[in-house]
Amino acid sequence: MIKVSVLYANEAGKPFDMDYYCNNHMPMVQDRLGPTLKGSAVEGGIAGGEPGSAAPYIAMGHLYFESVEDFQNSFGPHAEEIMGDIPNYTDIQPSIQISEVKL
């Protein structure tokens, strides 16, 4: 199993509309990726590791697939639409990481 993480840095003064992300963007992503998407999760950062410090990421979205190929084949045809929706909830440029899930 692999996890595709989309990480949004907690940048001062940059907005992130969590309501839109959870109620519009993620359902659209789930619909477009179809049954190859095995699961998803959204996290909202609340704090950093040091007491009183800000979270390094304001939000993270996670998508689970059986393989990198499944991700690429399902995401590719919809990449423009999915990425084009980002300005509707933030102007933060996301970082993307693909990880192998071990547990």
PDB file of N, CA and C in Angstrom:
ATOM      1  N   MET A   1       0.844  -1.169   0.000  1.00  0.00           N
ATOM      2  CA  MET A   1       0.000   0.000   0.000  1.00  0.00           C
ATOM      3  C   MET A   1       0.893   1.236   0.000  1.00  0.00           C
ATOM      4  N   ILE A   2       0.439   2.285  -0.693  1.00  0.00           N
ATOM      5  CA  ILE A   2       1.158   3.552  -0.676  1.00  0.00           C
ATOM      6  C   ILE A   2       0.221   4.654  -0.204  1.00  0.00           C
ATOM      7  N   LYS A   3       0.848   5.704   0.321  1.00  0.00           N
ATOM      8  CA  LYS A   3       0.101   6.878   0.765  1.00  0.00           C
ATOM      9  C   LYS A   3       0.648   8.089   0.038  1.00  0.00           C
ATOM     10  N   VAL A   4      -0.244   8.849  -0.575  1.00  0.00           N
ATOM     11  CA  VAL A   4       0.114  10.113  -1.203  1.00  0.00           C
ATOM     12  C   VAL A   4      -0.304  11.209  -0.232  1.00  0.00           C
ATOM     13  N   SER A   5       0.684  11.946   0.278  1.00  0.00           N
ATOM     14  CA  SER A   5       0.413  13.022   1.228  1.00  0.00           C
ATOM     15  C   SER A   5       0.574  14.363   0.527  1.00  0.00           C
ATOM     16  N   VAL A   6      -0.415  15.222   0.698  1.00  0.00           N
ATOM     17  CA  VAL A   6      -0.383  16.570   0.157  1.00  0.00           C
ATOM     18  C   VAL A   6      -0.289  17.496   1.366  1.00  0.00           C
ATOM     19  N   LEU A   7       0.855  18.170   1.493  1.00  0.00           N
ATOM     20  CA  LEU A   7       1.185  18.933   2.688  1.00  0.00           C
ATOM     21  C   LEU A   7       1.129  20.427   2.392  1.00  0.00           C
ATOM     22  N   TYR A   8       0.405  21.151   3.226  1.00  0.00           N
ATOM     23  CA  TYR A   8       0.261  22.593   3.073  1.00  0.00           C
ATOM     24  C   TYR A   8       0.970  23.273   4.240  1.00  0.00           C
ATOM     25  N   ALA A   9       2.105  23.919   3.958  1.00  0.00           N
ATOM     26  CA  ALA A   9       2.891  24.580   4.995  1.00  0.00           C
ATOM     27  C   ALA A   9       2.076  25.678   5.666  1.00  0.00           C
ATOM     28  N   ASN A  10       2.314  25.856   6.948  1.00  0.00           N
ATOM     29  CA  ASN A  10       1.635  26.879   7.735  1.00  0.00           C
ATOM     30  C   ASN A  10       2.378  28.200   7.528  1.00  0.00           C
ATOM     31  N   GLU A  11       2.023  28.901   6.470  1.00  0.00           N
ATOM     32  CA  GLU A  11       2.692  30.145   6.104  1.00  0.00           C
ATOM     33  C   GLU A  11       1.910  31.336   6.644  1.00  0.00           C
ATOM     34  N   ALA A  12       2.604  32.209   7.358  1.00  0.00           N
ATOM     35  CA  ALA A  12       1.968  33.375   7.981  1.00  0.00           C
ATOM     36  C   ALA A  12       1.183  34.184   6.947  1.00  0.00           C
ATOM     37  N   GLY A  13      -0.053  34.504   7.306  1.00  0.00           N
ATOM     38  CA  GLY A  13      -0.876  35.355   6.460  1.00  0.00           C
ATOM     39  C   GLY A  13      -1.523  34.665   5.275  1.00  0.00           C
ATOM     40  N   LYS A  14      -1.273  33.382   5.101  1.00  0.00           N
ATOM     41  CA  LYS A  14      -1.873  32.650   3.978  1.00  0.00           C
ATOM     42  C   LYS A  14      -3.104  31.899   4.461  1.00  0.00           C
ATOM     43  N   PRO A  15      -4.222  32.060   3.768  1.00  0.00           N
ATOM     44  CA  PRO A  15      -5.464  31.415   4.205  1.00  0.00           C
ATOM     45  C   PRO A  15      -5.532  29.935   3.816  1.00  0.00           C
ATOM     46  N   PHE A  16      -6.335  29.198   4.557  1.00  0.00           N
ATOM     47  CA  PHE A  16      -6.666  27.821   4.198  1.00  0.00           C
ATOM     48  C   PHE A  16      -8.099  27.582   4.653  1.00  0.00           C
ATOM     49  N   ASP A  17      -8.984  27.320   3.697  1.00  0.00           N
ATOM     50  CA  ASP A  17     -10.404  27.112   3.985  1.00  0.00           C
ATOM     51  C   ASP A  17     -10.647  25.614   4.200  1.00  0.00           C
ATOM     52  N   MET A  18     -10.545  25.183   5.471  1.00  0.00           N
ATOM     53  CA  MET A  18     -10.684  23.765   5.799  1.00  0.00           C
ATOM     54  C   MET A  18     -12.076  23.250   5.465  1.00  0.00           C
ATOM     55  N   ASP A  19     -13.099  24.087   5.644  1.00  0.00           N
ATOM     56  CA  ASP A  19     -14.468  23.682   5.329  1.00  0.00           C
ATOM     57  C   ASP A  19     -14.585  23.329   3.843  1.00  0.00           C
ATOM     58  N   TYR A  20     -14.076  24.190   2.977  1.00  0.00           N
ATOM     59  CA  TYR A  20     -14.125  23.918   1.541  1.00  0.00           C
ATOM     60  C   TYR A  20     -13.308  22.665   1.215  1.00  0.00           C
ATOM     61  N   TYR A  21     -12.122  22.562   1.810  1.00  0.00           N
ATOM     62  CA  TYR A  21     -11.239  21.426   1.537  1.00  0.00           C
ATOM     63  C   TYR A  21     -11.932  20.100   1.867  1.00  0.00           C
ATOM     64  N   CYS A  22     -12.562  20.046   3.043  1.00  0.00           N
ATOM     65  CA  CYS A  22     -13.205  18.800   3.490  1.00  0.00           C
ATOM     66  C   CYS A  22     -14.535  18.520   2.794  1.00  0.00           C
ATOM     67  N   ASN A  23     -15.297  19.556   2.517  1.00  0.00           N
ATOM     68  CA  ASN A  23     -16.661  19.360   2.009  1.00  0.00           C
ATOM     69  C   ASN A  23     -16.822  19.494   0.498  1.00  0.00           C
ATOM     70  N   ASN A  24     -15.808  20.033  -0.178  1.00  0.00           N
ATOM     71  CA  ASN A  24     -15.881  20.183  -1.629  1.00  0.00           C
ATOM     72  C   ASN A  24     -14.706  19.518  -2.346  1.00  0.00           C
ATOM     73  N   HIS A  25     -13.487  19.920  -1.953  1.00  0.00           N
ATOM     74  CA  HIS A  25     -12.314  19.426  -2.683  1.00  0.00           C
ATOM     75  C   HIS A  25     -12.118  17.919  -2.511  1.00  0.00           C
ATOM     76  N   MET A  26     -12.072  17.447  -1.270  1.00  0.00           N
ATOM     77  CA  MET A  26     -11.815  16.020  -1.059  1.00  0.00           C
ATOM     78  C   MET A  26     -12.914  15.126  -1.639  1.00  0.00           C
ATOM     79  N   PRO A  27     -14.196  15.473  -1.508  1.00  0.00           N
ATOM     80  CA  PRO A  27     -15.208  14.638  -2.176  1.00  0.00           C
ATOM     81  C   PRO A  27     -15.037  14.607  -3.696  1.00  0.00           C
ATOM     82  N   MET A  28     -14.641  15.741  -4.300  1.00  0.00           N
ATOM     83  CA  MET A  28     -14.390  15.763  -5.746  1.00  0.00           C
ATOM     84  C   MET A  28     -13.213  14.848  -6.091  1.00  0.00           C
ATOM     85  N   VAL A  29     -12.138  14.931  -5.305  1.00  0.00           N
ATOM     86  CA  VAL A  29     -10.972  14.075  -5.530  1.00  0.00           C
ATOM     87  C   VAL A  29     -11.378  12.604  -5.419  1.00  0.00           C
ATOM     88  N   GLN A  30     -12.105  12.254  -4.372  1.00  0.00           N
ATOM     89  CA  GLN A  30     -12.540  10.874  -4.175  1.00  0.00           C
ATOM     90  C   GLN A  30     -13.382  10.385  -5.347  1.00  0.00           C
ATOM     91  N   ASP A  31     -14.259  11.235  -5.841  1.00  0.00           N
ATOM     92  CA  ASP A  31     -15.105  10.879  -6.980  1.00  0.00           C
ATOM     93  C   ASP A  31     -14.270  10.628  -8.232  1.00  0.00           C
ATOM     94  N   ARG A  32     -13.322  11.512  -8.505  1.00  0.00           N
ATOM     95  CA  ARG A  32     -12.521  11.386  -9.730  1.00  0.00           C
ATOM     96  C   ARG A  32     -11.584  10.185  -9.679  1.00  0.00           C
ATOM     97  N   LEU A  33     -11.040   9.883  -8.513  1.00  0.00           N
ATOM     98  CA  LEU A  33     -10.076   8.779  -8.417  1.00  0.00           C
ATOM     99  C   LEU A  33     -10.754   7.415  -8.405  1.00  0.00           C
ATOM    100  N   GLY A  34     -12.015   7.384  -8.020  1.00  0.00           N
ATOM    101  CA  GLY A  34     -12.799   6.153  -8.122  1.00  0.00           C
ATOM    102  C   GLY A  34     -12.329   5.048  -7.197  1.00  0.00           C
ATOM    103  N   PRO A  35     -12.624   3.810  -7.583  1.00  0.00           N
ATOM    104  CA  PRO A  35     -12.381   2.668  -6.690  1.00  0.00           C
ATOM    105  C   PRO A  35     -10.905   2.336  -6.464  1.00  0.00           C
ATOM    106  N   THR A  36      -9.987   2.909  -7.254  1.00  0.00           N
ATOM    107  CA  THR A  36      -8.568   2.657  -6.960  1.00  0.00           C
ATOM    108  C   THR A  36      -8.129   3.365  -5.691  1.00  0.00           C
ATOM    109  N   LEU A  37      -8.874   4.400  -5.273  1.00  0.00           N
ATOM    110  CA  LEU A  37      -8.599   5.076  -4.014  1.00  0.00           C
ATOM    111  C   LEU A  37      -9.116   4.187  -2.882  1.00  0.00           C
ATOM    112  N   LYS A  38      -8.213   3.720  -2.042  1.00  0.00           N
ATOM    113  CA  LYS A  38      -8.578   2.781  -0.984  1.00  0.00           C
ATOM    114  C   LYS A  38      -8.974   3.463   0.318  1.00  0.00           C
ATOM    115  N   GLY A  39      -8.632   4.724   0.461  1.00  0.00           N
ATOM    116  CA  GLY A  39      -8.989   5.465   1.660  1.00  0.00           C
ATOM    117  C   GLY A  39      -8.397   6.853   1.609  1.00  0.00           C
ATOM    118  N   SER A  40      -8.876   7.717   2.490  1.00  0.00           N
ATOM    119  CA  SER A  40      -8.352   9.077   2.551  1.00  0.00           C
ATOM    120  C   SER A  40      -8.493   9.606   3.966  1.00  0.00           C
ATOM    121  N   ALA A  41      -7.725  10.638   4.263  1.00  0.00           N
ATOM    122  CA  ALA A  41      -7.791  11.289   5.567  1.00  0.00           C
ATOM    123  C   ALA A  41      -7.356  12.740   5.402  1.00  0.00           C
ATOM    124  N   VAL A  42      -7.879  13.588   6.265  1.00  0.00           N
ATOM    125  CA  VAL A  42      -7.485  14.998   6.304  1.00  0.00           C
ATOM    126  C   VAL A  42      -7.067  15.315   7.730  1.00  0.00           C
ATOM    127  N   GLU A  43      -5.974  16.067   7.860  1.00  0.00           N
ATOM    128  CA  GLU A  43      -5.500  16.518   9.156  1.00  0.00           C
ATOM    129  C   GLU A  43      -5.357  18.028   9.134  1.00  0.00           C
ATOM    130  N   GLY A  44      -5.720  18.668  10.223  1.00  0.00           N
ATOM    131  CA  GLY A  44      -5.504  20.099  10.403  1.00  0.00           C
ATOM    132  C   GLY A  44      -4.482  20.299  11.502  1.00  0.00           C
ATOM    133  N   GLY A  45      -3.392  21.001  11.196  1.00  0.00           N
ATOM    134  CA  GLY A  45      -2.338  21.218  12.174  1.00  0.00           C
ATOM    135  C   GLY A  45      -2.801  22.112  13.309  1.00  0.00           C
ATOM    136  N   ILE A  46      -2.452  21.735  14.542  1.00  0.00           N
ATOM    137  CA  ILE A  46      -2.853  22.541  15.701  1.00  0.00           C
ATOM    138  C   ILE A  46      -1.660  23.036  16.522  1.00  0.00           C
ATOM    139  N   ALA A  47      -0.501  22.393  16.415  1.00  0.00           N
ATOM    140  CA  ALA A  47       0.668  22.829  17.181  1.00  0.00           C
ATOM    141  C   ALA A  47       1.916  22.128  16.671  1.00  0.00           C
ATOM    142  N   GLY A  48       3.066  22.714  17.003  1.00  0.00           N
ATOM    143  CA  GLY A  48       4.344  22.093  16.698  1.00  0.00           C
ATOM    144  C   GLY A  48       4.827  21.264  17.877  1.00  0.00           C
ATOM    145  N   GLY A  49       6.020  20.731  17.785  1.00  0.00           N
ATOM    146  CA  GLY A  49       6.565  19.868  18.828  1.00  0.00           C
ATOM    147  C   GLY A  49       6.933  20.597  20.111  1.00  0.00           C
ATOM    148  N   GLU A  50       7.317  21.847  20.012  1.00  0.00           N
ATOM    149  CA  GLU A  50       7.661  22.650  21.186  1.00  0.00           C
ATOM    150  C   GLU A  50       6.411  23.304  21.753  1.00  0.00           C
ATOM    151  N   PRO A  51       6.280  23.365  23.065  1.00  0.00           N
ATOM    152  CA  PRO A  51       5.114  24.020  23.660  1.00  0.00           C
ATOM    153  C   PRO A  51       4.938  25.449  23.129  1.00  0.00           C
ATOM    154  N   GLY A  52       3.725  25.740  22.701  1.00  0.00           N
ATOM    155  CA  GLY A  52       3.401  27.067  22.206  1.00  0.00           C
ATOM    156  C   GLY A  52       3.821  27.355  20.778  1.00  0.00           C
ATOM    157  N   SER A  53       4.446  26.385  20.109  1.00  0.00           N
ATOM    158  CA  SER A  53       4.886  26.627  18.734  1.00  0.00           C
ATOM    159  C   SER A  53       3.772  26.300  17.746  1.00  0.00           C
ATOM    160  N   ALA A  54       3.833  26.959  16.600  1.00  0.00           N
ATOM    161  CA  ALA A  54       2.838  26.745  15.548  1.00  0.00           C
ATOM    162  C   ALA A  54       3.094  25.420  14.836  1.00  0.00           C
ATOM    163  N   ALA A  55       2.036  24.831  14.327  1.00  0.00           N
ATOM    164  CA  ALA A  55       2.152  23.610  13.530  1.00  0.00           C
ATOM    165  C   ALA A  55       2.924  23.921  12.247  1.00  0.00           C
ATOM    166  N   PRO A  56       3.842  23.051  11.837  1.00  0.00           N
ATOM    167  CA  PRO A  56       4.567  23.302  10.592  1.00  0.00           C
ATOM    168  C   PRO A  56       3.669  23.221   9.356  1.00  0.00           C
ATOM    169  N   TYR A  57       2.580  22.458   9.466  1.00  0.00           N
ATOM    170  CA  TYR A  57       1.635  22.328   8.351  1.00  0.00           C
ATOM    171  C   TYR A  57       0.250  22.711   8.845  1.00  0.00           C
ATOM    172  N   ILE A  58      -0.425  23.564   8.071  1.00  0.00           N
ATOM    173  CA  ILE A  58      -1.783  23.969   8.427  1.00  0.00           C
ATOM    174  C   ILE A  58      -2.782  22.865   8.087  1.00  0.00           C
ATOM    175  N   ALA A  59      -2.445  22.079   7.061  1.00  0.00           N
ATOM    176  CA  ALA A  59      -3.321  20.979   6.657  1.00  0.00           C
ATOM    177  C   ALA A  59      -2.525  19.924   5.908  1.00  0.00           C
ATOM    178  N   MET A  60      -3.042  18.697   5.964  1.00  0.00           N
ATOM    179  CA  MET A  60      -2.473  17.574   5.219  1.00  0.00           C
ATOM    180  C   MET A  60      -3.620  16.720   4.707  1.00  0.00           C
ATOM    181  N   GLY A  61      -3.530  16.336   3.464  1.00  0.00           N
ATOM    182  CA  GLY A  61      -4.474  15.391   2.899  1.00  0.00           C
ATOM    183  C   GLY A  61      -3.729  14.124   2.537  1.00  0.00           C
ATOM    184  N   HIS A  62      -4.339  12.973   2.812  1.00  0.00           N
ATOM    185  CA  HIS A  62      -3.687  11.695   2.558  1.00  0.00           C
ATOM    186  C   HIS A  62      -4.614  10.814   1.713  1.00  0.00           C
ATOM    187  N   LEU A  63      -4.030  10.210   0.692  1.00  0.00           N
ATOM    188  CA  LEU A  63      -4.764   9.317  -0.206  1.00  0.00           C
ATOM    189  C   LEU A  63      -4.041   7.977  -0.235  1.00  0.00           C
ATOM    190  N   TYR A  64      -4.781   6.886  -0.128  1.00  0.00           N
ATOM    191  CA  TYR A  64      -4.195   5.544  -0.063  1.00  0.00           C
ATOM    192  C   TYR A  64      -4.540   4.746  -1.318  1.00  0.00           C
ATOM    193  N   PHE A  65      -3.521   4.078  -1.857  1.00  0.00           N
ATOM    194  CA  PHE A  65      -3.660   3.265  -3.061  1.00  0.00           C
ATOM    195  C   PHE A  65      -2.870   1.971  -2.886  1.00  0.00           C
ATOM    196  N   GLU A  66      -3.186   0.986  -3.686  1.00  0.00           N
ATOM    197  CA  GLU A  66      -2.433  -0.271  -3.661  1.00  0.00           C
ATOM    198  C   GLU A  66      -1.022  -0.088  -4.216  1.00  0.00           C
ATOM    199  N   SER A  67      -0.840   0.812  -5.194  1.00  0.00           N
ATOM    200  CA  SER A  67       0.471   0.978  -5.829  1.00  0.00           C
ATOM    201  C   SER A  67       0.621   2.388  -6.389  1.00  0.00           C
ATOM    202  N   VAL A  68       1.858   2.758  -6.663  1.00  0.00           N
ATOM    203  CA  VAL A  68       2.135   4.047  -7.309  1.00  0.00           C
ATOM    204  C   VAL A  68       1.453   4.088  -8.666  1.00  0.00           C
ATOM    205  N   GLU A  69       1.463   2.963  -9.371  1.00  0.00           N
ATOM    206  CA  GLU A  69       0.837   2.910 -10.692  1.00  0.00           C
ATOM    207  C   GLU A  69      -0.664   3.177 -10.603  1.00  0.00           C
ATOM    208  N   ASP A  70      -1.324   2.635  -9.578  1.00  0.00           N
ATOM    209  CA  ASP A  70      -2.752   2.908  -9.391  1.00  0.00           C
ATOM    210  C   ASP A  70      -2.989   4.393  -9.179  1.00  0.00           C
ATOM    211  N   PHE A  71      -2.149   5.020  -8.358  1.00  0.00           N
ATOM    212  CA  PHE A  71      -2.267   6.461  -8.144  1.00  0.00           C
ATOM    213  C   PHE A  71      -2.092   7.217  -9.449  1.00  0.00           C
ATOM    214  N   GLN A  72      -1.015   6.936 -10.161  1.00  0.00           N
ATOM    215  CA  GLN A  72      -0.722   7.659 -11.396  1.00  0.00           C
ATOM    216  C   GLN A  72      -1.819   7.475 -12.434  1.00  0.00           C
ATOM    217  N   ASN A  73      -2.314   6.268 -12.581  1.00  0.00           N
ATOM    218  CA  ASN A  73      -3.345   5.997 -13.584  1.00  0.00           C
ATOM    219  C   ASN A  73      -4.682   6.640 -13.254  1.00  0.00           C
ATOM    220  N   SER A  74      -5.004   6.758 -11.964  1.00  0.00           N
ATOM    221  CA  SER A  74      -6.284   7.368 -11.593  1.00  0.00           C
ATOM    222  C   SER A  74      -6.178   8.887 -11.485  1.00  0.00           C
ATOM    223  N   PHE A  75      -5.035   9.398 -11.041  1.00  0.00           N
ATOM    224  CA  PHE A  75      -4.865  10.839 -10.865  1.00  0.00           C
ATOM    225  C   PHE A  75      -4.590  11.562 -12.184  1.00  0.00           C
ATOM    226  N   GLY A  76      -3.762  10.965 -13.024  1.00  0.00           N
ATOM    227  CA  GLY A  76      -3.317  11.599 -14.266  1.00  0.00           C
ATOM    228  C   GLY A  76      -4.421  12.229 -15.095  1.00  0.00           C
ATOM    229  N   PRO A  77      -5.485  11.491 -15.419  1.00  0.00           N
ATOM    230  CA  PRO A  77      -6.539  12.053 -16.268  1.00  0.00           C
ATOM    231  C   PRO A  77      -7.294  13.224 -15.626  1.00  0.00           C
ATOM    232  N   HIS A  78      -7.178  13.385 -14.289  1.00  0.00           N
ATOM    233  CA  HIS A  78      -7.931  14.419 -13.574  1.00  0.00           C
ATOM    234  C   HIS A  78      -7.023  15.449 -12.912  1.00  0.00           C
ATOM    235  N   ALA A  79      -5.725  15.351 -13.167  1.00  0.00           N
ATOM    236  CA  ALA A  79      -4.758  16.213 -12.486  1.00  0.00           C
ATOM    237  C   ALA A  79      -5.069  17.695 -12.675  1.00  0.00           C
ATOM    238  N   GLU A  80      -5.380  18.099 -13.878  1.00  0.00           N
ATOM    239  CA  GLU A  80      -5.636  19.514 -14.147  1.00  0.00           C
ATOM    240  C   GLU A  80      -6.840  20.017 -13.345  1.00  0.00           C
ATOM    241  N   GLU A  81      -7.912  19.241 -13.317  1.00  0.00           N
ATOM    242  CA  GLU A  81      -9.103  19.642 -12.572  1.00  0.00           C
ATOM    243  C   GLU A  81      -8.831  19.672 -11.068  1.00  0.00           C
ATOM    244  N   ILE A  82      -8.166  18.636 -10.565  1.00  0.00           N
ATOM    245  CA  ILE A  82      -7.894  18.556  -9.129  1.00  0.00           C
ATOM    246  C   ILE A  82      -6.963  19.687  -8.696  1.00  0.00           C
ATOM    247  N   MET A  83      -5.872  19.875  -9.404  1.00  0.00           N
ATOM    248  CA  MET A  83      -4.926  20.936  -9.054  1.00  0.00           C
ATOM    249  C   MET A  83      -5.532  22.317  -9.289  1.00  0.00           C
ATOM    250  N   GLY A  84      -6.400  22.422 -10.269  1.00  0.00           N
ATOM    251  CA  GLY A  84      -7.054  23.686 -10.577  1.00  0.00           C
ATOM    252  C   GLY A  84      -8.020  24.145  -9.504  1.00  0.00           C
ATOM    253  N   ASP A  85      -8.420  23.238  -8.620  1.00  0.00           N
ATOM    254  CA  ASP A  85      -9.342  23.582  -7.546  1.00  0.00           C
ATOM    255  C   ASP A  85      -8.627  24.196  -6.342  1.00  0.00           C
ATOM    256  N   ILE A  86      -7.320  24.073  -6.262  1.00  0.00           N
ATOM    257  CA  ILE A  86      -6.559  24.555  -5.109  1.00  0.00           C
ATOM    258  C   ILE A  86      -6.831  26.028  -4.795  1.00  0.00           C
ATOM    259  N   PRO A  87      -6.871  26.937  -5.779  1.00  0.00           N
ATOM    260  CA  PRO A  87      -7.126  28.348  -5.448  1.00  0.00           C
ATOM    261  C   PRO A  87      -8.474  28.597  -4.777  1.00  0.00           C
ATOM    262  N   ASN A  88      -9.382  27.630  -4.815  1.00  0.00           N
ATOM    263  CA  ASN A  88     -10.672  27.796  -4.148  1.00  0.00           C
ATOM    264  C   ASN A  88     -10.565  27.672  -2.620  1.00  0.00           C
ATOM    265  N   TYR A  89      -9.447  27.129  -2.116  1.00  0.00           N
ATOM    266  CA  TYR A  89      -9.312  26.993  -0.664  1.00  0.00           C
ATOM    267  C   TYR A  89      -8.000  27.514  -0.094  1.00  0.00           C
ATOM    268  N   THR A  90      -7.006  27.786  -0.935  1.00  0.00           N
ATOM    269  CA  THR A  90      -5.737  28.327  -0.423  1.00  0.00           C
ATOM    270  C   THR A  90      -4.884  28.859  -1.558  1.00  0.00           C
ATOM    271  N   ASP A  91      -3.907  29.686  -1.180  1.00  0.00           N
ATOM    272  CA  ASP A  91      -2.876  30.092  -2.141  1.00  0.00           C
ATOM    273  C   ASP A  91      -1.510  29.536  -1.724  1.00  0.00           C
ATOM    274  N   ILE A  92      -1.532  28.538  -0.848  1.00  0.00           N
ATOM    275  CA  ILE A  92      -0.314  27.842  -0.427  1.00  0.00           C
ATOM    276  C   ILE A  92       0.022  26.786  -1.470  1.00  0.00           C
ATOM    277  N   GLN A  93       1.270  26.763  -1.919  1.00  0.00           N
ATOM    278  CA  GLN A  93       1.725  25.742  -2.867  1.00  0.00           C
ATOM    279  C   GLN A  93       1.979  24.449  -2.093  1.00  0.00           C
ATOM    280  N   PRO A  94       1.225  23.370  -2.375  1.00  0.00           N
ATOM    281  CA  PRO A  94       1.415  22.137  -1.605  1.00  0.00           C
ATOM    282  C   PRO A  94       2.685  21.388  -1.996  1.00  0.00           C
ATOM    283  N   SER A  95       3.188  20.629  -1.033  1.00  0.00           N
ATOM    284  CA  SER A  95       4.261  19.659  -1.275  1.00  0.00           C
ATOM    285  C   SER A  95       3.603  18.290  -1.305  1.00  0.00           C
ATOM    286  N   ILE A  96       4.109  17.423  -2.158  1.00  0.00           N
ATOM    287  CA  ILE A  96       3.527  16.089  -2.291  1.00  0.00           C
ATOM    288  C   ILE A  96       4.599  15.052  -1.991  1.00  0.00           C
ATOM    289  N   GLN A  97       4.236  14.079  -1.182  1.00  0.00           N
ATOM    290  CA  GLN A  97       5.140  12.968  -0.880  1.00  0.00           C
ATOM    291  C   GLN A  97       4.395  11.661  -1.073  1.00  0.00           C
ATOM    292  N   ILE A  98       5.052  10.710  -1.710  1.00  0.00           N
ATOM    293  CA  ILE A  98       4.517   9.356  -1.848  1.00  0.00           C
ATOM    294  C   ILE A  98       5.341   8.458  -0.935  1.00  0.00           C
ATOM    295  N   SER A  99       4.639   7.745  -0.068  1.00  0.00           N
ATOM    296  CA  SER A  99       5.299   6.886   0.924  1.00  0.00           C
ATOM    297  C   SER A  99       4.781   5.467   0.820  1.00  0.00           C
ATOM    298  N   GLU A 100       5.620   4.521   1.167  1.00  0.00           N
ATOM    299  CA  GLU A 100       5.213   3.135   1.293  1.00  0.00           C
ATOM    300  C   GLU A 100       4.723   2.942   2.727  1.00  0.00           C
ATOM    301  N   VAL A 101       3.515   2.414   2.883  1.00  0.00           N
ATOM    302  CA  VAL A 101       2.940   2.179   4.208  1.00  0.00           C
ATOM    303  C   VAL A 101       3.448   0.824   4.693  1.00  0.00           C
ATOM    304  N   LYS A 102       4.065   0.824   5.863  1.00  0.00           N
ATOM    305  CA  LYS A 102       4.671  -0.401   6.400  1.00  0.00           C
ATOM    306  C   LYS A 102       3.800  -1.111   7.423  1.00  0.00           C
ATOM    307  N   LEU A 103       2.968  -0.380   8.150  1.00  0.00           N
ATOM    308  CA  LEU A 103       2.151  -1.010   9.191  1.00  0.00           C
ATOM    309  C   LEU A 103       0.687  -0.940   8.835  1.00  0.00           C
TER     310      LEU A 103
END
